[in-house]
């Protein structure tokens, strides 16, 4: 039986406001008493300093316990990781590099496991790259200076929507590249720094904090929708 709930997506970005971040995160914990949060940091290689920053924000948002599940290594303890993920109240997917984050999950065969957790009702929230990872696709470049080398890769797909986060300083270049690759009629959502939305598997999107932007591919012309 499907019990899924919307995922909470927080754009993050700088400058960071710890109080605002905690306030936004708290929305994912509604109805939970002293939630235990499992932290996935594959996008930043399980960076300990970044974990401590996000752990503090999660605890300020109401989390009682935050557990780093160490996936970004050659031989992780997958049995222990799955036990933590099964038993936690919510899963937080942290920021960093989207492709790195997905590659570690793929390497250790955790993508379908996480999808099943989501379909079963596990609460998920993410920030920055974690937002993109919970969406449909992202872009890999063989040569970052040559868009002809760009190609799409699959993300977790909790929602069928395509996201980019805090890319306003680059005029959403990466999102626009993804939309060109997806073809005519493709649509993507740009979340400026400090914004937050919820989304579900039906593609229903709810704005929770600061307005997002919509971009569309109209016969190769990428423009605001």
N, C-alpha and C. Protein backbone atom coordinates (compact mmCIF):
# COMPACT_ATOMS: atom_id res chain seq x y z
N UNK A 1 0.84 -1.20 0.00
CA UNK A 1 0.00 0.00 0.00
C UNK A 1 0.87 1.24 0.00
N UNK A 2 0.49 2.22 -0.77
CA UNK A 2 1.28 3.44 -0.89
C UNK A 2 0.87 4.44 0.19
N UNK A 3 1.85 4.86 1.01
CA UNK A 3 1.58 5.83 2.07
C UNK A 3 2.40 7.10 1.90
N UNK A 4 2.93 7.32 0.72
CA UNK A 4 3.91 8.38 0.54
C UNK A 4 3.37 9.76 0.94
N UNK A 5 4.27 10.60 1.40
CA UNK A 5 3.97 11.97 1.77
C UNK A 5 4.83 12.89 0.91
N UNK A 6 4.47 14.15 0.76
CA UNK A 6 5.32 15.05 -0.02
C UNK A 6 6.71 15.17 0.59
N UNK A 7 7.71 15.34 -0.28
CA UNK A 7 9.05 15.61 0.19
C UNK A 7 9.21 17.12 0.35
N UNK A 8 10.07 17.51 1.27
CA UNK A 8 10.34 18.92 1.54
C UNK A 8 11.68 19.28 0.90
N UNK A 9 11.69 20.32 0.08
CA UNK A 9 12.87 20.71 -0.67
C UNK A 9 13.26 22.14 -0.31
N UNK A 10 14.47 22.31 0.19
CA UNK A 10 14.96 23.61 0.64
C UNK A 10 16.17 23.99 -0.21
N UNK A 11 16.10 25.16 -0.83
CA UNK A 11 17.15 25.53 -1.78
C UNK A 11 18.49 25.79 -1.12
N UNK A 12 18.50 26.28 0.11
CA UNK A 12 19.78 26.58 0.75
C UNK A 12 20.43 27.79 0.11
N UNK A 13 21.73 27.70 -0.14
CA UNK A 13 22.44 28.83 -0.71
C UNK A 13 23.05 29.72 0.35
N UNK A 14 23.74 30.73 -0.09
CA UNK A 14 24.40 31.67 0.83
C UNK A 14 23.92 33.09 0.57
N UNK A 15 23.92 33.97 1.59
CA UNK A 15 24.33 33.66 2.96
C UNK A 15 23.31 32.79 3.68
N UNK A 16 23.78 31.92 4.53
CA UNK A 16 22.88 31.04 5.26
C UNK A 16 22.38 31.73 6.52
N UNK A 17 21.11 31.54 6.79
CA UNK A 17 20.49 32.04 8.01
C UNK A 17 20.10 30.81 8.82
N UNK A 18 20.87 30.45 9.86
CA UNK A 18 20.59 29.22 10.61
C UNK A 18 19.17 29.18 11.18
N UNK A 19 18.68 30.32 11.64
CA UNK A 19 17.33 30.35 12.20
C UNK A 19 16.29 30.07 11.13
N UNK A 20 16.46 30.67 9.95
CA UNK A 20 15.52 30.44 8.86
C UNK A 20 15.60 29.00 8.38
N UNK A 21 16.81 28.44 8.29
CA UNK A 21 16.97 27.06 7.87
C UNK A 21 16.25 26.12 8.83
N UNK A 22 16.43 26.35 10.13
CA UNK A 22 15.77 25.50 11.12
C UNK A 22 14.26 25.63 11.02
N UNK A 23 13.78 26.83 10.81
CA UNK A 23 12.33 27.03 10.69
C UNK A 23 11.77 26.27 9.50
N UNK A 24 12.46 26.32 8.38
CA UNK A 24 11.99 25.62 7.20
C UNK A 24 12.05 24.11 7.39
N UNK A 25 13.13 23.60 7.97
CA UNK A 25 13.25 22.17 8.20
C UNK A 25 12.15 21.65 9.11
N UNK A 26 11.73 22.46 10.06
CA UNK A 26 10.75 22.00 11.05
C UNK A 26 9.44 21.57 10.40
N UNK A 27 9.14 22.10 9.22
CA UNK A 27 7.92 21.72 8.53
C UNK A 27 7.88 20.25 8.16
N UNK A 28 9.05 19.65 7.97
CA UNK A 28 9.11 18.23 7.63
C UNK A 28 8.82 17.34 8.82
N UNK A 29 8.87 17.92 10.02
CA UNK A 29 8.70 17.12 11.24
C UNK A 29 7.31 17.26 11.86
N UNK A 30 6.40 17.90 11.15
CA UNK A 30 5.06 18.13 11.69
C UNK A 30 4.42 16.81 12.13
N UNK A 31 3.96 16.80 13.36
CA UNK A 31 3.29 15.61 13.89
C UNK A 31 4.21 14.58 14.49
N UNK A 32 5.51 14.79 14.39
CA UNK A 32 6.48 13.86 14.96
C UNK A 32 7.00 14.38 16.29
N UNK A 33 7.12 13.50 17.25
CA UNK A 33 7.66 13.85 18.55
C UNK A 33 9.10 13.36 18.65
N UNK A 34 10.03 14.29 18.83
CA UNK A 34 11.44 13.97 18.96
C UNK A 34 11.92 13.04 17.85
N UNK A 35 11.80 13.47 16.61
CA UNK A 35 12.13 12.58 15.49
C UNK A 35 13.62 12.22 15.41
N UNK A 36 13.86 11.00 14.97
CA UNK A 36 15.20 10.54 14.65
C UNK A 36 15.40 10.74 13.16
N UNK A 37 16.43 11.48 12.76
CA UNK A 37 16.69 11.79 11.37
C UNK A 37 17.95 11.07 10.90
N UNK A 38 17.85 10.36 9.79
CA UNK A 38 19.02 9.76 9.15
C UNK A 38 19.56 10.75 8.12
N UNK A 39 20.86 10.96 8.13
CA UNK A 39 21.51 11.97 7.30
C UNK A 39 22.29 11.28 6.19
N UNK A 40 21.95 11.58 4.94
CA UNK A 40 22.68 11.08 3.76
C UNK A 40 23.54 12.22 3.21
N UNK A 41 24.84 12.02 3.25
CA UNK A 41 25.77 13.06 2.81
C UNK A 41 26.61 12.66 1.61
N UNK A 42 26.08 11.79 0.76
CA UNK A 42 26.87 11.30 -0.38
C UNK A 42 27.29 12.41 -1.33
N UNK A 43 26.50 13.47 -1.43
CA UNK A 43 26.83 14.56 -2.36
C UNK A 43 28.06 15.34 -1.93
N UNK A 44 28.44 15.23 -0.66
CA UNK A 44 29.66 15.91 -0.20
C UNK A 44 30.66 14.92 0.40
N UNK A 45 30.53 13.64 0.01
CA UNK A 45 31.49 12.64 0.49
C UNK A 45 31.43 12.41 1.98
N UNK A 46 30.25 12.59 2.58
CA UNK A 46 30.08 12.45 4.04
C UNK A 46 31.01 13.39 4.80
N UNK A 47 31.17 14.60 4.27
CA UNK A 47 32.06 15.59 4.89
C UNK A 47 31.64 15.84 6.34
N UNK A 48 32.54 15.62 7.30
CA UNK A 48 32.15 15.73 8.72
C UNK A 48 31.79 17.15 9.14
N UNK A 49 32.48 18.16 8.59
CA UNK A 49 32.17 19.54 8.96
C UNK A 49 30.78 19.93 8.49
N UNK A 50 30.45 19.53 7.26
CA UNK A 50 29.12 19.86 6.74
C UNK A 50 28.05 19.11 7.53
N UNK A 51 28.36 17.87 7.92
CA UNK A 51 27.41 17.12 8.74
C UNK A 51 27.11 17.85 10.04
N UNK A 52 28.14 18.37 10.68
CA UNK A 52 27.92 19.06 11.96
C UNK A 52 27.06 20.30 11.78
N UNK A 53 27.25 21.03 10.68
CA UNK A 53 26.44 22.22 10.41
C UNK A 53 24.97 21.83 10.22
N UNK A 54 24.74 20.82 9.39
CA UNK A 54 23.37 20.40 9.11
C UNK A 54 22.73 19.72 10.32
N UNK A 55 23.53 18.99 11.08
CA UNK A 55 23.02 18.36 12.30
C UNK A 55 22.49 19.42 13.27
N UNK A 56 23.25 20.51 13.42
CA UNK A 56 22.80 21.58 14.32
C UNK A 56 21.49 22.18 13.84
N UNK A 57 21.36 22.40 12.52
CA UNK A 57 20.12 22.95 11.98
C UNK A 57 18.95 21.99 12.19
N UNK A 58 19.19 20.70 11.96
CA UNK A 58 18.13 19.71 12.13
C UNK A 58 17.69 19.62 13.59
N UNK A 59 18.64 19.70 14.51
CA UNK A 59 18.28 19.65 15.93
C UNK A 59 17.55 20.92 16.34
N UNK A 60 17.96 22.05 15.79
CA UNK A 60 17.24 23.29 16.08
C UNK A 60 15.82 23.26 15.53
N UNK A 61 15.62 22.43 14.49
CA UNK A 61 14.29 22.30 13.89
C UNK A 61 13.42 21.32 14.65
N UNK A 62 13.99 20.61 15.63
CA UNK A 62 13.19 19.70 16.44
C UNK A 62 13.64 18.26 16.44
N UNK A 63 14.68 17.92 15.65
CA UNK A 63 15.16 16.54 15.64
C UNK A 63 15.78 16.20 16.99
N UNK A 64 15.50 15.01 17.47
CA UNK A 64 16.08 14.56 18.73
C UNK A 64 17.43 13.91 18.51
N UNK A 65 17.55 13.19 17.40
CA UNK A 65 18.78 12.47 17.08
C UNK A 65 19.03 12.56 15.59
N UNK A 66 20.28 12.78 15.19
CA UNK A 66 20.65 12.84 13.78
C UNK A 66 21.80 11.87 13.56
N UNK A 67 21.59 10.88 12.71
CA UNK A 67 22.57 9.83 12.49
C UNK A 67 23.11 9.90 11.06
N UNK A 68 24.42 10.06 10.93
CA UNK A 68 25.07 10.02 9.63
C UNK A 68 25.19 8.57 9.18
N UNK A 69 24.57 8.24 8.05
CA UNK A 69 24.75 6.91 7.47
C UNK A 69 25.89 7.01 6.46
N UNK A 70 26.98 6.35 6.75
CA UNK A 70 28.22 6.52 5.98
C UNK A 70 28.19 5.64 4.74
N UNK A 71 27.78 6.26 3.63
CA UNK A 71 27.64 5.55 2.36
C UNK A 71 28.80 5.82 1.43
N UNK A 72 29.41 7.00 1.54
CA UNK A 72 30.42 7.45 0.58
C UNK A 72 31.80 6.86 0.89
N UNK A 73 31.87 5.54 0.79
CA UNK A 73 33.15 4.85 0.96
C UNK A 73 33.08 3.52 0.25
N UNK A 74 34.21 2.86 0.11
CA UNK A 74 34.30 1.67 -0.72
C UNK A 74 33.44 0.53 -0.20
N UNK A 75 33.51 0.26 1.09
CA UNK A 75 32.79 -0.89 1.65
C UNK A 75 31.98 -0.48 2.87
N UNK A 76 30.87 0.21 2.65
CA UNK A 76 30.04 0.61 3.79
C UNK A 76 29.30 -0.60 4.37
N UNK A 77 28.85 -0.46 5.60
CA UNK A 77 28.06 -1.51 6.25
C UNK A 77 26.61 -1.34 5.81
N UNK A 78 26.24 -1.97 4.72
CA UNK A 78 24.92 -1.75 4.14
C UNK A 78 23.80 -2.26 5.03
N UNK A 79 24.05 -3.32 5.75
CA UNK A 79 23.02 -3.84 6.66
C UNK A 79 22.70 -2.81 7.73
N UNK A 80 23.76 -2.21 8.31
CA UNK A 80 23.56 -1.18 9.34
C UNK A 80 22.89 0.05 8.75
N UNK A 81 23.31 0.46 7.55
CA UNK A 81 22.72 1.63 6.89
C UNK A 81 21.23 1.43 6.66
N UNK A 82 20.86 0.27 6.16
CA UNK A 82 19.44 0.01 5.89
C UNK A 82 18.62 -0.06 7.17
N UNK A 83 19.23 -0.57 8.23
CA UNK A 83 18.53 -0.61 9.51
C UNK A 83 18.22 0.79 10.01
N UNK A 84 19.22 1.68 9.93
CA UNK A 84 19.00 3.06 10.36
C UNK A 84 17.94 3.73 9.50
N UNK A 85 18.03 3.55 8.19
CA UNK A 85 17.07 4.19 7.28
C UNK A 85 15.66 3.64 7.47
N UNK A 86 15.54 2.35 7.74
CA UNK A 86 14.23 1.76 7.99
C UNK A 86 13.61 2.27 9.28
N UNK A 87 14.43 2.47 10.30
CA UNK A 87 13.91 2.77 11.63
C UNK A 87 13.80 4.25 11.95
N UNK A 88 14.39 5.11 11.13
CA UNK A 88 14.34 6.55 11.42
C UNK A 88 12.96 7.11 11.10
N UNK A 89 12.71 8.31 11.59
CA UNK A 89 11.43 8.99 11.32
C UNK A 89 11.48 9.81 10.04
N UNK A 90 12.67 10.28 9.67
CA UNK A 90 12.82 11.11 8.46
C UNK A 90 14.24 10.96 7.94
N UNK A 91 14.39 11.17 6.64
CA UNK A 91 15.70 11.09 5.98
C UNK A 91 16.03 12.46 5.40
N UNK A 92 17.22 12.96 5.72
CA UNK A 92 17.70 14.24 5.20
C UNK A 92 18.80 13.97 4.17
N UNK A 93 18.65 14.55 2.97
CA UNK A 93 19.66 14.42 1.91
C UNK A 93 20.38 15.75 1.78
N UNK A 94 21.67 15.74 2.02
CA UNK A 94 22.43 16.97 2.14
C UNK A 94 22.95 17.48 0.80
N UNK A 95 23.60 18.63 0.84
CA UNK A 95 24.08 19.30 -0.36
C UNK A 95 25.48 18.89 -0.77
N UNK A 96 25.91 19.42 -1.90
CA UNK A 96 27.21 19.10 -2.46
C UNK A 96 27.12 19.01 -3.97
N UNK A 97 27.61 17.91 -4.53
CA UNK A 97 27.58 17.68 -5.97
C UNK A 97 26.55 16.59 -6.28
N UNK A 98 25.58 16.93 -7.11
CA UNK A 98 24.48 16.02 -7.40
C UNK A 98 24.98 14.69 -7.95
N UNK A 99 25.87 14.75 -8.94
CA UNK A 99 26.34 13.52 -9.58
C UNK A 99 27.08 12.63 -8.60
N UNK A 100 27.91 13.21 -7.75
CA UNK A 100 28.60 12.43 -6.73
C UNK A 100 27.59 11.76 -5.81
N UNK A 101 26.59 12.53 -5.41
CA UNK A 101 25.57 11.99 -4.52
C UNK A 101 24.86 10.79 -5.10
N UNK A 102 24.50 10.87 -6.37
CA UNK A 102 23.80 9.77 -7.01
C UNK A 102 24.72 8.60 -7.29
N UNK A 103 25.97 8.87 -7.64
CA UNK A 103 26.90 7.79 -7.95
C UNK A 103 27.16 6.88 -6.75
N UNK A 104 27.29 7.47 -5.56
CA UNK A 104 27.49 6.64 -4.37
C UNK A 104 26.26 5.78 -4.09
N UNK A 105 25.08 6.35 -4.24
CA UNK A 105 23.85 5.58 -4.03
C UNK A 105 23.74 4.45 -5.05
N UNK A 106 24.09 4.76 -6.29
CA UNK A 106 24.04 3.74 -7.35
C UNK A 106 25.07 2.65 -7.10
N UNK A 107 26.27 3.04 -6.72
CA UNK A 107 27.36 2.09 -6.49
C UNK A 107 26.97 1.03 -5.47
N UNK A 108 26.23 1.46 -4.44
CA UNK A 108 25.88 0.55 -3.35
C UNK A 108 24.42 0.08 -3.42
N UNK A 109 23.82 0.21 -4.61
CA UNK A 109 22.48 -0.33 -4.87
C UNK A 109 21.44 0.16 -3.86
N UNK A 110 21.46 1.45 -3.58
CA UNK A 110 20.54 2.01 -2.59
C UNK A 110 19.43 2.85 -3.21
N UNK A 111 19.45 3.04 -4.53
CA UNK A 111 18.45 3.91 -5.15
C UNK A 111 17.05 3.31 -5.03
N UNK A 112 16.88 2.06 -5.42
CA UNK A 112 15.57 1.43 -5.32
C UNK A 112 15.13 1.29 -3.86
N UNK A 113 16.08 1.05 -2.98
CA UNK A 113 15.76 0.95 -1.55
C UNK A 113 15.17 2.26 -1.05
N UNK A 114 15.79 3.40 -1.41
CA UNK A 114 15.27 4.70 -0.99
C UNK A 114 13.92 4.99 -1.63
N UNK A 115 13.76 4.61 -2.89
CA UNK A 115 12.46 4.81 -3.54
C UNK A 115 11.37 4.03 -2.82
N UNK A 116 11.68 2.81 -2.41
CA UNK A 116 10.70 2.01 -1.68
C UNK A 116 10.37 2.64 -0.33
N UNK A 117 11.37 3.18 0.34
CA UNK A 117 11.11 3.87 1.61
C UNK A 117 10.15 5.04 1.41
N UNK A 118 10.40 5.81 0.35
CA UNK A 118 9.53 6.96 0.07
C UNK A 118 8.10 6.50 -0.22
N UNK A 119 7.96 5.50 -1.07
CA UNK A 119 6.63 5.00 -1.42
C UNK A 119 5.90 4.45 -0.18
N UNK A 120 6.67 3.97 0.77
CA UNK A 120 6.07 3.42 1.98
C UNK A 120 5.74 4.45 3.03
N UNK A 121 6.04 5.72 2.77
CA UNK A 121 5.65 6.77 3.70
C UNK A 121 6.77 7.41 4.50
N UNK A 122 8.03 7.02 4.23
CA UNK A 122 9.13 7.65 4.95
C UNK A 122 9.21 9.12 4.56
N UNK A 123 9.42 9.98 5.54
CA UNK A 123 9.55 11.41 5.26
C UNK A 123 10.97 11.71 4.77
N UNK A 124 11.04 12.51 3.72
CA UNK A 124 12.32 12.93 3.17
C UNK A 124 12.35 14.45 3.09
N UNK A 125 13.50 15.02 3.40
CA UNK A 125 13.75 16.43 3.13
C UNK A 125 15.17 16.56 2.63
N UNK A 126 15.41 17.61 1.87
CA UNK A 126 16.75 17.81 1.34
C UNK A 126 17.05 19.27 1.16
N UNK A 127 18.34 19.57 1.07
CA UNK A 127 18.77 20.94 0.86
C UNK A 127 19.78 20.95 -0.29
N UNK A 128 19.72 22.00 -1.10
CA UNK A 128 20.69 22.22 -2.17
C UNK A 128 20.74 21.02 -3.12
N UNK A 129 21.89 20.38 -3.27
CA UNK A 129 21.99 19.23 -4.18
C UNK A 129 21.00 18.13 -3.82
N UNK A 130 20.67 18.02 -2.53
CA UNK A 130 19.69 17.03 -2.10
C UNK A 130 18.32 17.26 -2.72
N UNK A 131 17.98 18.51 -2.99
CA UNK A 131 16.73 18.83 -3.68
C UNK A 131 16.74 18.25 -5.08
N UNK A 132 17.80 18.53 -5.82
CA UNK A 132 17.90 18.05 -7.19
C UNK A 132 17.89 16.53 -7.23
N UNK A 133 18.55 15.91 -6.27
CA UNK A 133 18.61 14.45 -6.21
C UNK A 133 17.23 13.82 -6.01
N UNK A 134 16.33 14.50 -5.33
CA UNK A 134 14.99 13.94 -5.12
C UNK A 134 14.08 14.14 -6.33
N UNK A 135 14.52 14.96 -7.28
CA UNK A 135 13.76 15.20 -8.50
C UNK A 135 14.03 14.16 -9.56
N UNK A 136 13.76 14.52 -10.83
CA UNK A 136 13.76 13.53 -11.90
C UNK A 136 15.12 13.30 -12.55
N UNK A 137 15.83 14.37 -12.93
CA UNK A 137 17.06 14.26 -13.71
C UNK A 137 18.06 15.34 -13.29
N UNK A 138 19.30 15.13 -13.73
CA UNK A 138 20.28 16.21 -13.71
C UNK A 138 21.26 16.02 -14.85
N UNK A 139 22.24 16.91 -14.94
CA UNK A 139 23.09 16.98 -16.12
C UNK A 139 24.54 16.64 -15.77
N UNK A 140 25.14 15.83 -16.62
CA UNK A 140 26.58 15.57 -16.57
C UNK A 140 27.24 16.20 -17.79
N UNK A 141 28.39 16.83 -17.58
CA UNK A 141 29.19 17.35 -18.68
C UNK A 141 30.50 16.58 -18.76
N UNK A 142 30.83 16.07 -19.93
CA UNK A 142 32.17 15.53 -20.12
C UNK A 142 33.20 16.65 -20.10
N UNK A 143 32.80 17.81 -20.64
CA UNK A 143 33.63 19.01 -20.62
C UNK A 143 32.72 20.16 -20.19
N UNK A 144 32.97 20.72 -19.02
CA UNK A 144 32.09 21.74 -18.45
C UNK A 144 32.00 22.99 -19.31
N UNK A 145 32.97 23.20 -20.19
CA UNK A 145 32.96 24.38 -21.05
C UNK A 145 32.31 24.12 -22.41
N UNK A 146 31.77 22.93 -22.59
CA UNK A 146 31.21 22.55 -23.89
C UNK A 146 29.86 21.87 -23.69
N UNK A 147 28.77 22.62 -23.91
CA UNK A 147 27.44 22.07 -23.67
C UNK A 147 27.09 20.93 -24.62
N UNK A 148 27.84 20.78 -25.71
CA UNK A 148 27.58 19.66 -26.61
C UNK A 148 27.95 18.32 -25.97
N UNK A 149 28.71 18.37 -24.88
CA UNK A 149 29.10 17.14 -24.18
C UNK A 149 28.15 16.82 -23.03
N UNK A 150 27.09 17.60 -22.88
CA UNK A 150 26.17 17.40 -21.75
C UNK A 150 25.19 16.26 -22.04
N UNK A 151 24.85 15.53 -20.99
CA UNK A 151 23.84 14.48 -21.10
C UNK A 151 23.10 14.39 -19.76
N UNK A 152 21.90 13.86 -19.81
CA UNK A 152 21.08 13.71 -18.61
C UNK A 152 21.39 12.40 -17.89
N UNK A 153 21.20 12.41 -16.58
CA UNK A 153 21.20 11.16 -15.82
C UNK A 153 20.04 11.19 -14.84
N UNK A 154 19.59 10.01 -14.45
CA UNK A 154 18.43 9.89 -13.57
C UNK A 154 18.79 10.22 -12.14
N UNK A 155 17.84 10.85 -11.45
CA UNK A 155 17.95 11.06 -10.01
C UNK A 155 16.97 10.13 -9.30
N UNK A 156 16.66 10.38 -8.05
CA UNK A 156 15.83 9.47 -7.28
C UNK A 156 14.39 9.43 -7.79
N UNK A 157 13.91 10.53 -8.34
CA UNK A 157 12.59 10.52 -8.93
C UNK A 157 11.45 10.37 -7.95
N UNK A 158 11.62 10.85 -6.72
CA UNK A 158 10.48 10.85 -5.80
C UNK A 158 9.32 11.66 -6.38
N UNK A 159 9.68 12.69 -7.12
CA UNK A 159 8.72 13.50 -7.84
C UNK A 159 9.19 13.58 -9.29
N UNK A 160 8.27 13.66 -10.27
CA UNK A 160 8.69 13.71 -11.67
C UNK A 160 9.19 15.08 -12.11
N UNK A 161 9.30 16.01 -11.19
CA UNK A 161 9.67 17.38 -11.52
C UNK A 161 11.19 17.54 -11.56
N UNK A 162 11.63 18.50 -12.38
CA UNK A 162 13.04 18.84 -12.52
C UNK A 162 13.31 20.13 -11.75
N UNK A 163 14.36 20.11 -10.90
CA UNK A 163 14.68 21.27 -10.07
C UNK A 163 16.11 21.74 -10.28
N UNK A 164 16.30 23.04 -10.07
CA UNK A 164 17.62 23.61 -9.86
C UNK A 164 17.52 24.50 -8.63
N UNK A 165 18.64 24.70 -7.95
CA UNK A 165 18.63 25.46 -6.70
C UNK A 165 19.71 26.53 -6.69
N UNK A 166 19.39 27.63 -6.07
CA UNK A 166 20.26 28.81 -5.90
C UNK A 166 21.22 29.01 -7.07
N UNK A 167 20.66 28.98 -8.31
CA UNK A 167 21.47 29.22 -9.50
C UNK A 167 21.22 30.57 -10.12
N UNK A 168 20.66 31.48 -9.33
CA UNK A 168 20.28 32.79 -9.88
C UNK A 168 21.49 33.59 -10.37
N UNK A 169 22.65 33.43 -9.73
CA UNK A 169 23.82 34.21 -10.14
C UNK A 169 24.34 33.78 -11.51
N UNK A 170 23.98 32.56 -11.95
CA UNK A 170 24.41 32.07 -13.26
C UNK A 170 23.23 32.03 -14.24
N UNK A 171 22.15 32.70 -13.88
CA UNK A 171 20.94 32.75 -14.72
C UNK A 171 20.46 31.33 -15.05
N UNK A 172 20.58 30.43 -14.07
CA UNK A 172 20.03 29.09 -14.17
C UNK A 172 20.56 28.32 -15.38
N UNK A 173 21.84 28.48 -15.65
CA UNK A 173 22.47 27.85 -16.82
C UNK A 173 22.29 26.33 -16.82
N UNK A 174 22.49 25.69 -15.69
CA UNK A 174 22.42 24.23 -15.65
C UNK A 174 20.99 23.75 -15.89
N UNK A 175 20.03 24.41 -15.29
CA UNK A 175 18.63 24.05 -15.51
C UNK A 175 18.27 24.20 -16.98
N UNK A 176 18.69 25.29 -17.60
CA UNK A 176 18.38 25.52 -19.02
C UNK A 176 19.01 24.45 -19.91
N UNK A 177 20.22 24.02 -19.56
CA UNK A 177 20.84 22.94 -20.32
C UNK A 177 20.02 21.66 -20.21
N UNK A 178 19.56 21.35 -19.00
CA UNK A 178 18.73 20.16 -18.81
C UNK A 178 17.45 20.24 -19.62
N UNK A 179 16.84 21.41 -19.67
CA UNK A 179 15.60 21.58 -20.42
C UNK A 179 15.83 21.41 -21.92
N UNK A 180 16.94 21.88 -22.42
CA UNK A 180 17.26 21.67 -23.84
C UNK A 180 17.40 20.18 -24.15
N UNK A 181 18.03 19.46 -23.24
CA UNK A 181 18.22 18.03 -23.45
C UNK A 181 16.90 17.27 -23.37
N UNK A 182 15.99 17.73 -22.53
CA UNK A 182 14.69 17.08 -22.39
C UNK A 182 13.78 17.34 -23.57
N UNK A 183 14.01 18.44 -24.27
CA UNK A 183 13.26 18.70 -25.50
C UNK A 183 12.07 19.62 -25.35
N UNK A 184 11.39 19.83 -26.46
CA UNK A 184 10.27 20.76 -26.53
C UNK A 184 9.19 20.39 -25.51
N UNK A 185 8.72 21.41 -24.80
CA UNK A 185 7.67 21.21 -23.81
C UNK A 185 8.16 20.92 -22.41
N UNK A 186 9.46 20.66 -22.26
CA UNK A 186 10.00 20.36 -20.93
C UNK A 186 9.87 21.58 -20.01
N UNK A 187 9.69 21.30 -18.74
CA UNK A 187 9.50 22.36 -17.75
C UNK A 187 10.36 22.08 -16.53
N UNK A 188 10.95 23.12 -15.96
CA UNK A 188 11.78 22.97 -14.77
C UNK A 188 11.52 24.07 -13.78
N UNK A 189 11.88 23.79 -12.53
CA UNK A 189 11.59 24.70 -11.43
C UNK A 189 12.90 25.20 -10.83
N UNK A 190 13.02 26.52 -10.77
CA UNK A 190 14.21 27.17 -10.24
C UNK A 190 13.90 27.69 -8.84
N UNK A 191 14.63 27.19 -7.85
CA UNK A 191 14.42 27.59 -6.46
C UNK A 191 15.54 28.52 -6.03
N UNK A 192 15.28 29.82 -5.91
CA UNK A 192 16.32 30.74 -5.46
C UNK A 192 16.74 30.43 -4.03
N UNK A 193 17.93 30.89 -3.64
CA UNK A 193 18.39 30.71 -2.28
C UNK A 193 17.36 31.17 -1.27
N UNK A 194 17.14 30.33 -0.26
CA UNK A 194 16.19 30.67 0.78
C UNK A 194 14.76 30.24 0.50
N UNK A 195 14.52 29.58 -0.61
CA UNK A 195 13.17 29.14 -0.94
C UNK A 195 12.95 27.70 -0.49
N UNK A 196 11.66 27.31 -0.42
CA UNK A 196 11.31 25.96 0.00
C UNK A 196 9.98 25.58 -0.64
N UNK A 197 9.90 24.34 -1.11
CA UNK A 197 8.67 23.81 -1.67
C UNK A 197 8.46 22.40 -1.13
N UNK A 198 7.23 21.91 -1.28
CA UNK A 198 6.98 20.48 -1.11
C UNK A 198 6.50 19.94 -2.44
N UNK A 199 6.80 18.66 -2.69
CA UNK A 199 6.43 18.03 -3.96
C UNK A 199 6.14 16.57 -3.70
N UNK A 200 5.30 15.96 -4.58
CA UNK A 200 5.00 14.55 -4.42
C UNK A 200 5.11 13.83 -5.76
N UNK A 201 4.81 12.54 -5.75
CA UNK A 201 5.02 11.72 -6.93
C UNK A 201 4.05 12.03 -8.06
N UNK A 202 2.98 12.74 -7.76
CA UNK A 202 2.05 13.13 -8.81
C UNK A 202 2.47 14.41 -9.52
N UNK A 203 3.53 15.05 -8.99
CA UNK A 203 3.98 16.32 -9.57
C UNK A 203 3.32 17.53 -8.96
N UNK A 204 2.58 17.33 -7.88
CA UNK A 204 1.97 18.47 -7.17
C UNK A 204 3.05 19.23 -6.42
N UNK A 205 3.12 20.52 -6.66
CA UNK A 205 4.14 21.37 -6.06
C UNK A 205 3.46 22.46 -5.24
N UNK A 206 3.93 22.64 -4.00
CA UNK A 206 3.37 23.65 -3.11
C UNK A 206 4.49 24.56 -2.65
N UNK A 207 4.31 25.86 -2.86
CA UNK A 207 5.30 26.83 -2.40
C UNK A 207 5.16 27.05 -0.90
N UNK A 208 6.28 26.96 -0.18
CA UNK A 208 6.26 27.11 1.27
C UNK A 208 7.04 28.32 1.76
N UNK A 209 8.00 28.76 0.98
CA UNK A 209 8.85 29.87 1.43
C UNK A 209 9.53 30.50 0.23
N UNK A 210 9.25 31.73 -0.06
CA UNK A 210 9.87 32.48 -1.14
C UNK A 210 9.49 31.88 -2.50
N UNK A 211 9.14 32.71 -3.45
CA UNK A 211 8.62 32.22 -4.73
C UNK A 211 9.69 31.53 -5.58
N UNK A 212 9.26 30.49 -6.27
CA UNK A 212 10.12 29.81 -7.22
C UNK A 212 9.82 30.32 -8.63
N UNK A 213 10.68 29.98 -9.58
CA UNK A 213 10.52 30.36 -10.98
C UNK A 213 10.29 29.11 -11.82
N UNK A 214 9.57 29.26 -12.90
CA UNK A 214 9.33 28.16 -13.82
C UNK A 214 9.96 28.51 -15.17
N UNK A 215 10.74 27.57 -15.71
CA UNK A 215 11.30 27.75 -17.05
C UNK A 215 10.77 26.64 -17.96
N UNK A 216 10.53 26.99 -19.24
CA UNK A 216 10.00 26.03 -20.20
C UNK A 216 10.83 26.04 -21.48
N UNK A 217 10.84 24.88 -22.12
CA UNK A 217 11.47 24.75 -23.43
C UNK A 217 10.37 24.86 -24.49
N UNK A 218 10.38 25.97 -25.21
CA UNK A 218 9.42 26.19 -26.27
C UNK A 218 10.14 26.14 -27.61
N UNK A 219 10.18 24.95 -28.22
CA UNK A 219 10.88 24.78 -29.49
C UNK A 219 12.33 25.24 -29.43
N UNK A 220 12.99 24.92 -28.32
CA UNK A 220 14.39 25.28 -28.17
C UNK A 220 14.64 26.60 -27.50
N UNK A 221 13.61 27.40 -27.32
CA UNK A 221 13.74 28.68 -26.62
C UNK A 221 13.40 28.48 -25.16
N UNK A 222 14.40 28.65 -24.29
CA UNK A 222 14.19 28.47 -22.86
C UNK A 222 13.83 29.80 -22.23
N UNK A 223 12.63 29.88 -21.69
CA UNK A 223 12.16 31.15 -21.15
C UNK A 223 11.30 30.89 -19.92
N UNK A 224 11.08 31.93 -19.15
CA UNK A 224 10.24 31.82 -17.97
C UNK A 224 8.81 31.51 -18.38
N UNK A 225 8.20 30.56 -17.67
CA UNK A 225 6.84 30.17 -17.97
C UNK A 225 5.80 31.03 -17.28
